[in-house]
PDB file of all heavy atoms in Angstrom:
ATOM      1  N   ASN A   1      83.850 124.630 111.002  1.00  0.00           N
ATOM      2  CA  ASN A   1      83.885 124.036 112.321  1.00  0.00           C
ATOM      3  C   ASN A   1      83.687 122.538 112.233  1.00  0.00           C
ATOM      4  O   ASN A   1      82.565 122.021 112.261  1.00  0.00           O
ATOM      5  CB  ASN A   1      82.808 124.671 113.179  1.00  0.00           C
ATOM      6  CG  ASN A   1      83.066 124.370 114.667  1.00  0.00           C
ATOM      7  OD1 ASN A   1      83.831 123.473 114.986  1.00  0.00           O
ATOM      8  ND2 ASN A   1      82.414 125.142 115.527  1.00  0.00           N
ATOM      9  N   ILE A   2      84.799 121.813 112.111  1.00  0.00           N
ATOM     10  CA  ILE A   2      84.745 120.337 111.996  1.00  0.00           C
ATOM     11  C   ILE A   2      85.246 119.671 113.243  1.00  0.00           C
ATOM     12  O   ILE A   2      85.249 118.413 113.331  1.00  0.00           O
ATOM     13  CB  ILE A   2      85.554 119.882 110.754  1.00  0.00           C
ATOM     14  CG1 ILE A   2      87.033 120.195 110.927  1.00  0.00           C
ATOM     15  CG2 ILE A   2      84.971 120.472 109.490  1.00  0.00           C
ATOM     16  CD1 ILE A   2      87.888 119.565 109.859  1.00  0.00           C
ATOM     17  N   PHE A   3      85.691 120.405 114.228  1.00  0.00           N
ATOM     18  CA  PHE A   3      86.366 119.816 115.370  1.00  0.00           C
ATOM     19  C   PHE A   3      85.445 119.011 116.239  1.00  0.00           C
ATOM     20  O   PHE A   3      85.881 118.114 116.972  1.00  0.00           O
ATOM     21  CB  PHE A   3      87.064 120.898 116.190  1.00  0.00           C
ATOM     22  CG  PHE A   3      88.162 121.607 115.441  1.00  0.00           C
ATOM     23  CD1 PHE A   3      88.097 122.962 115.174  1.00  0.00           C
ATOM     24  CD2 PHE A   3      89.268 120.904 114.980  1.00  0.00           C
ATOM     25  CE1 PHE A   3      89.114 123.605 114.501  1.00  0.00           C
ATOM     26  CE2 PHE A   3      90.276 121.516 114.266  1.00  0.00           C
ATOM     27  CZ  PHE A   3      90.190 122.901 114.023  1.00  0.00           C
ATOM     28  N   THR A   4      84.160 119.285 116.244  1.00  0.00           N
ATOM     29  CA  THR A   4      83.205 118.496 117.036  1.00  0.00           C
ATOM     30  C   THR A   4      82.485 117.471 116.178  1.00  0.00           C
ATOM     31  O   THR A   4      81.510 116.870 116.628  1.00  0.00           O
ATOM     32  CB  THR A   4      82.196 119.406 117.737  1.00  0.00           C
ATOM     33  OG1 THR A   4      81.550 120.221 116.724  1.00  0.00           O
ATOM     34  CG2 THR A   4      82.896 120.294 118.749  1.00  0.00           C
ATOM     35  N   ILE A   5      82.931 117.293 114.908  1.00  0.00           N
ATOM     36  CA  ILE A   5      82.295 116.333 114.011  1.00  0.00           C
ATOM     37  C   ILE A   5      83.213 115.100 113.798  1.00  0.00           C
ATOM     38  O   ILE A   5      82.760 113.988 113.833  1.00  0.00           O
ATOM     39  CB  ILE A   5      81.987 116.967 112.662  1.00  0.00           C
ATOM     40  CG1 ILE A   5      81.023 118.147 112.840  1.00  0.00           C
ATOM     41  CG2 ILE A   5      81.398 115.930 111.711  1.00  0.00           C
ATOM     42  CD1 ILE A   5      80.806 118.957 111.593  1.00  0.00           C
ATOM     43  N   TYR A   6      84.510 115.384 113.632  1.00  0.00           N
ATOM     44  CA  TYR A   6      85.467 114.342 113.300  1.00  0.00           C
ATOM     45  C   TYR A   6      86.507 114.191 114.390  1.00  0.00           C
ATOM     46  O   TYR A   6      86.790 115.143 115.131  1.00  0.00           O
ATOM     47  CB  TYR A   6      86.185 114.666 111.987  1.00  0.00           C
ATOM     48  CG  TYR A   6      85.258 114.835 110.793  1.00  0.00           C
ATOM     49  CD1 TYR A   6      85.051 116.107 110.271  1.00  0.00           C
ATOM     50  CD2 TYR A   6      84.670 113.718 110.242  1.00  0.00           C
ATOM     51  CE1 TYR A   6      84.204 116.237 109.168  1.00  0.00           C
ATOM     52  CE2 TYR A   6      83.823 113.880 109.139  1.00  0.00           C
ATOM     53  CZ  TYR A   6      83.620 115.139 108.607  1.00  0.00           C
ATOM     54  OH  TYR A   6      82.758 115.295 107.521  1.00  0.00           O
ATOM     55  N   THR A   7      87.153 113.051 114.422  1.00  0.00           N
ATOM     56  CA  THR A   7      88.349 112.909 115.254  1.00  0.00           C
ATOM     57  C   THR A   7      89.491 113.664 114.514  1.00  0.00           C
ATOM     58  O   THR A   7      89.728 113.377 113.319  1.00  0.00           O
ATOM     59  CB  THR A   7      88.727 111.437 115.410  1.00  0.00           C
ATOM     60  OG1 THR A   7      87.677 110.788 116.166  1.00  0.00           O
ATOM     61  CG2 THR A   7      90.038 111.300 116.191  1.00  0.00           C
ATOM     62  N   MET A   8      90.094 114.553 115.213  1.00  0.00           N
ATOM     63  CA  MET A   8      91.144 115.389 114.632  1.00  0.00           C
ATOM     64  C   MET A   8      92.489 115.021 115.232  1.00  0.00           C
ATOM     65  O   MET A   8      92.569 114.399 116.295  1.00  0.00           O
ATOM     66  CB  MET A   8      90.855 116.856 114.952  1.00  0.00           C
ATOM     67  CG  MET A   8      89.524 117.347 114.396  1.00  0.00           C
ATOM     68  SD  MET A   8      89.448 117.333 112.611  1.00  0.00           S
ATOM     69  CE  MET A   8      90.796 118.484 112.211  1.00  0.00           C
ATOM     70  N   GLY A   9      93.508 115.409 114.527  1.00  0.00           N
ATOM     71  CA  GLY A   9      94.845 115.086 114.986  1.00  0.00           C
ATOM     72  C   GLY A   9      95.918 116.106 114.699  1.00  0.00           C
ATOM     73  O   GLY A   9      95.754 116.939 113.802  1.00  0.00           O
ATOM     74  N   TRP A  10      96.924 116.074 115.509  1.00  0.00           N
ATOM     75  CA  TRP A  10      98.174 116.805 115.205  1.00  0.00           C
ATOM     76  C   TRP A  10      99.175 115.821 114.710  1.00  0.00           C
ATOM     77  O   TRP A  10      99.352 114.707 115.243  1.00  0.00           O
ATOM     78  CB  TRP A  10      98.734 117.486 116.486  1.00  0.00           C
ATOM     79  CG  TRP A  10      98.062 118.759 116.807  1.00  0.00           C
ATOM     80  CD1 TRP A  10      97.078 118.959 117.717  1.00  0.00           C
ATOM     81  CD2 TRP A  10      98.368 120.039 116.221  1.00  0.00           C
ATOM     82  NE1 TRP A  10      96.735 120.305 117.753  1.00  0.00           N
ATOM     83  CE2 TRP A  10      97.515 120.996 116.836  1.00  0.00           C
ATOM     84  CE3 TRP A  10      99.257 120.488 115.250  1.00  0.00           C
ATOM     85  CZ2 TRP A  10      97.529 122.334 116.516  1.00  0.00           C
ATOM     86  CZ3 TRP A  10      99.299 121.825 114.948  1.00  0.00           C
ATOM     87  CH2 TRP A  10      98.446 122.745 115.544  1.00  0.00           C
ATOM     88  N   TYR A  11      99.874 116.203 113.663  1.00  0.00           N
ATOM     89  CA  TYR A  11     100.901 115.394 112.998  1.00  0.00           C
ATOM     90  C   TYR A  11     102.226 116.185 113.035  1.00  0.00           C
ATOM     91  O   TYR A  11     102.206 117.397 113.135  1.00  0.00           O
ATOM     92  CB  TYR A  11     100.535 115.135 111.537  1.00  0.00           C
ATOM     93  CG  TYR A  11      99.267 114.377 111.311  1.00  0.00           C
ATOM     94  CD1 TYR A  11      98.037 114.993 111.457  1.00  0.00           C
ATOM     95  CD2 TYR A  11      99.314 113.057 110.884  1.00  0.00           C
ATOM     96  CE1 TYR A  11      96.862 114.297 111.208  1.00  0.00           C
ATOM     97  CE2 TYR A  11      98.137 112.367 110.663  1.00  0.00           C
ATOM     98  CZ  TYR A  11      96.911 112.983 110.789  1.00  0.00           C
ATOM     99  OH  TYR A  11      95.776 112.294 110.548  1.00  0.00           O
ATOM    100  N   ARG A  12     103.324 115.466 112.826  1.00  0.00           N
ATOM    101  CA  ARG A  12     104.584 116.131 112.655  1.00  0.00           C
ATOM    102  C   ARG A  12     105.438 115.356 111.673  1.00  0.00           C
ATOM    103  O   ARG A  12     105.290 114.128 111.551  1.00  0.00           O
ATOM    104  CB  ARG A  12     105.308 116.339 113.971  1.00  0.00           C
ATOM    105  CG  ARG A  12     105.837 115.063 114.634  1.00  0.00           C
ATOM    106  CD  ARG A  12     106.455 115.396 115.992  1.00  0.00           C
ATOM    107  NE  ARG A  12     106.979 114.219 116.640  1.00  0.00           N
ATOM    108  CZ  ARG A  12     107.479 114.219 117.894  1.00  0.00           C
ATOM    109  NH1 ARG A  12     107.463 115.346 118.577  1.00  0.00           N
ATOM    110  NH2 ARG A  12     107.935 113.098 118.411  1.00  0.00           N
ATOM    111  N   GLN A  13     106.319 116.079 111.018  1.00  0.00           N
ATOM    112  CA  GLN A  13     107.245 115.480 110.083  1.00  0.00           C
ATOM    113  C   GLN A  13     108.624 116.041 110.322  1.00  0.00           C
ATOM    114  O   GLN A  13     108.826 117.239 110.079  1.00  0.00           O
ATOM    115  CB  GLN A  13     106.809 115.692 108.632  1.00  0.00           C
ATOM    116  CG  GLN A  13     107.664 114.930 107.605  1.00  0.00           C
ATOM    117  CD  GLN A  13     107.057 114.902 106.245  1.00  0.00           C
ATOM    118  OE1 GLN A  13     106.219 115.728 105.894  1.00  0.00           O
ATOM    119  NE2 GLN A  13     107.506 113.922 105.429  1.00  0.00           N
ATOM    120  N   ALA A  14     109.522 115.210 110.748  1.00  0.00           N
ATOM    121  CA  ALA A  14     110.898 115.614 110.936  1.00  0.00           C
ATOM    122  C   ALA A  14     111.671 115.430 109.672  1.00  0.00           C
ATOM    123  O   ALA A  14     111.260 114.578 108.814  1.00  0.00           O
ATOM    124  CB  ALA A  14     111.535 114.783 112.066  1.00  0.00           C
ATOM    125  N   PRO A  15     112.792 116.127 109.463  1.00  0.00           N
ATOM    126  CA  PRO A  15     113.563 115.989 108.258  1.00  0.00           C
ATOM    127  C   PRO A  15     113.959 114.547 107.978  1.00  0.00           C
ATOM    128  O   PRO A  15     114.478 113.864 108.898  1.00  0.00           O
ATOM    129  CB  PRO A  15     114.787 116.837 108.516  1.00  0.00           C
ATOM    130  CG  PRO A  15     114.339 117.861 109.502  1.00  0.00           C
ATOM    131  CD  PRO A  15     113.359 117.174 110.385  1.00  0.00           C
ATOM    132  N   GLY A  16     113.697 114.065 106.779  1.00  0.00           N
ATOM    133  CA  GLY A  16     114.066 112.702 106.400  1.00  0.00           C
ATOM    134  C   GLY A  16     113.178 111.635 106.955  1.00  0.00           C
ATOM    135  O   GLY A  16     113.485 110.428 106.804  1.00  0.00           O
ATOM    136  N   LYS A  17     112.104 112.014 107.663  1.00  0.00           N
ATOM    137  CA  LYS A  17     111.194 111.026 108.253  1.00  0.00           C
ATOM    138  C   LYS A  17     109.788 111.168 107.685  1.00  0.00           C
ATOM    139  O   LYS A  17     109.426 112.207 107.133  1.00  0.00           O
ATOM    140  CB  LYS A  17     111.178 111.160 109.768  1.00  0.00           C
ATOM    141  CG  LYS A  17     112.522 110.856 110.419  1.00  0.00           C
ATOM    142  CD  LYS A  17     112.383 110.779 111.936  1.00  0.00           C
ATOM    143  CE  LYS A  17     113.687 110.396 112.548  1.00  0.00           C
ATOM    144  NZ  LYS A  17     113.595 110.321 114.049  1.00  0.00           N
ATOM    145  N   GLN A  18     108.971 110.136 107.882  1.00  0.00           N
ATOM    146  CA  GLN A  18     107.599 110.193 107.448  1.00  0.00           C
ATOM    147  C   GLN A  18     106.775 111.000 108.447  1.00  0.00           C
ATOM    148  O   GLN A  18     107.115 111.114 109.605  1.00  0.00           O
ATOM    149  CB  GLN A  18     107.026 108.778 107.358  1.00  0.00           C
ATOM    150  CG  GLN A  18     107.542 107.991 106.202  1.00  0.00           C
ATOM    151  CD  GLN A  18     106.756 106.685 106.015  1.00  0.00           C
ATOM    152  OE1 GLN A  18     106.215 106.119 106.937  1.00  0.00           O
ATOM    153  NE2 GLN A  18     106.698 106.224 104.763  1.00  0.00           N
ATOM    154  N   ARG A  19     105.685 111.563 107.944  1.00  0.00           N
ATOM    155  CA  ARG A  19     104.765 112.304 108.804  1.00  0.00           C
ATOM    156  C   ARG A  19     104.120 111.300 109.753  1.00  0.00           C
ATOM    157  O   ARG A  19     103.720 110.221 109.337  1.00  0.00           O
ATOM    158  CB  ARG A  19     103.718 112.998 107.955  1.00  0.00           C
ATOM    159  CG  ARG A  19     102.829 113.937 108.702  1.00  0.00           C
ATOM    160  CD  ARG A  19     102.212 115.023 107.840  1.00  0.00           C
ATOM    161  NE  ARG A  19     102.273 114.855 106.442  1.00  0.00           N
ATOM    162  CZ  ARG A  19     102.142 115.843 105.550  1.00  0.00           C
ATOM    163  NH1 ARG A  19     101.994 117.110 106.006  1.00  0.00           N
ATOM    164  NH2 ARG A  19     102.171 115.618 104.255  1.00  0.00           N
ATOM    165  N   GLU A  20     104.043 111.696 111.028  1.00  0.00           N
ATOM    166  CA  GLU A  20     103.444 110.800 112.030  1.00  0.00           C
ATOM    167  C   GLU A  20     102.356 111.521 112.787  1.00  0.00           C
ATOM    168  O   GLU A  20     102.424 112.725 113.050  1.00  0.00           O
ATOM    169  CB  GLU A  20     104.537 110.318 112.990  1.00  0.00           C
ATOM    170  CG  GLU A  20     105.205 111.399 113.790  1.00  0.00           C
ATOM    171  CD  GLU A  20     106.162 110.861 114.856  1.00  0.00           C
ATOM    172  OE1 GLU A  20     105.961 109.730 115.333  1.00  0.00           O
ATOM    173  OE2 GLU A  20     107.071 111.624 115.282  1.00  0.00           O
ATOM    174  N   LEU A  21     101.333 110.747 113.193  1.00  0.00           N
ATOM    175  CA  LEU A  21     100.254 111.247 113.997  1.00  0.00           C
ATOM    176  C   LEU A  21     100.664 111.177 115.455  1.00  0.00           C
ATOM    177  O   LEU A  21     101.041 110.105 115.939  1.00  0.00           O
ATOM    178  CB  LEU A  21      99.000 110.403 113.744  1.00  0.00           C
ATOM    179  CG  LEU A  21      97.733 110.735 114.520  1.00  0.00           C
ATOM    180  CD1 LEU A  21      97.251 112.140 114.200  1.00  0.00           C
ATOM    181  CD2 LEU A  21      96.653 109.710 114.212  1.00  0.00           C
ATOM    182  N   ILE A  22     100.605 112.300 116.172  1.00  0.00           N
ATOM    183  CA  ILE A  22     101.120 112.293 117.550  1.00  0.00           C
ATOM    184  C   ILE A  22     100.040 112.570 118.606  1.00  0.00           C
ATOM    185  O   ILE A  22     100.234 112.231 119.794  1.00  0.00           O
ATOM    186  CB  ILE A  22     102.255 113.317 117.701  1.00  0.00           C
ATOM    187  CG1 ILE A  22     101.771 114.704 117.335  1.00  0.00           C
ATOM    188  CG2 ILE A  22     103.490 112.911 116.936  1.00  0.00           C
ATOM    189  CD1 ILE A  22     102.774 115.827 117.756  1.00  0.00           C
ATOM    190  N   ALA A  23      98.942 113.132 118.211  1.00  0.00           N
ATOM    191  CA  ALA A  23      97.895 113.422 119.177  1.00  0.00           C
ATOM    192  C   ALA A  23      96.549 113.473 118.481  1.00  0.00           C
ATOM    193  O   ALA A  23      96.482 113.973 117.360  1.00  0.00           O
ATOM    194  CB  ALA A  23      98.144 114.727 119.920  1.00  0.00           C
ATOM    195  N   THR A  24      95.530 112.957 119.153  1.00  0.00           N
ATOM    196  CA  THR A  24      94.192 112.972 118.554  1.00  0.00           C
ATOM    197  C   THR A  24      93.148 113.436 119.606  1.00  0.00           C
ATOM    198  O   THR A  24      93.373 113.321 120.836  1.00  0.00           O
ATOM    199  CB  THR A  24      93.732 111.572 118.086  1.00  0.00           C
ATOM    200  OG1 THR A  24      93.792 110.661 119.183  1.00  0.00           O
ATOM    201  CG2 THR A  24      94.617 111.092 116.977  1.00  0.00           C
ATOM    202  N   ILE A  25      92.041 113.973 119.101  1.00  0.00           N
ATOM    203  CA  ILE A  25      90.911 114.315 119.974  1.00  0.00           C
ATOM    204  C   ILE A  25      89.666 113.965 119.206  1.00  0.00           C
ATOM    205  O   ILE A  25      89.453 114.367 118.053  1.00  0.00           O
ATOM    206  CB  ILE A  25      90.970 115.792 120.380  1.00  0.00           C
ATOM    207  CG1 ILE A  25      89.822 116.130 121.360  1.00  0.00           C
ATOM    208  CG2 ILE A  25      90.962 116.726 119.173  1.00  0.00           C
ATOM    209  CD1 ILE A  25      90.051 117.478 122.083  1.00  0.00           C
TER     210      ILE A  25
END
């Protein structure tokens, strides 16, 4: 259970592109 300790994020990686951070909490 780290969700209330650290800022967490959702990332995505499209084909041929770099992974990007799209949402944080």
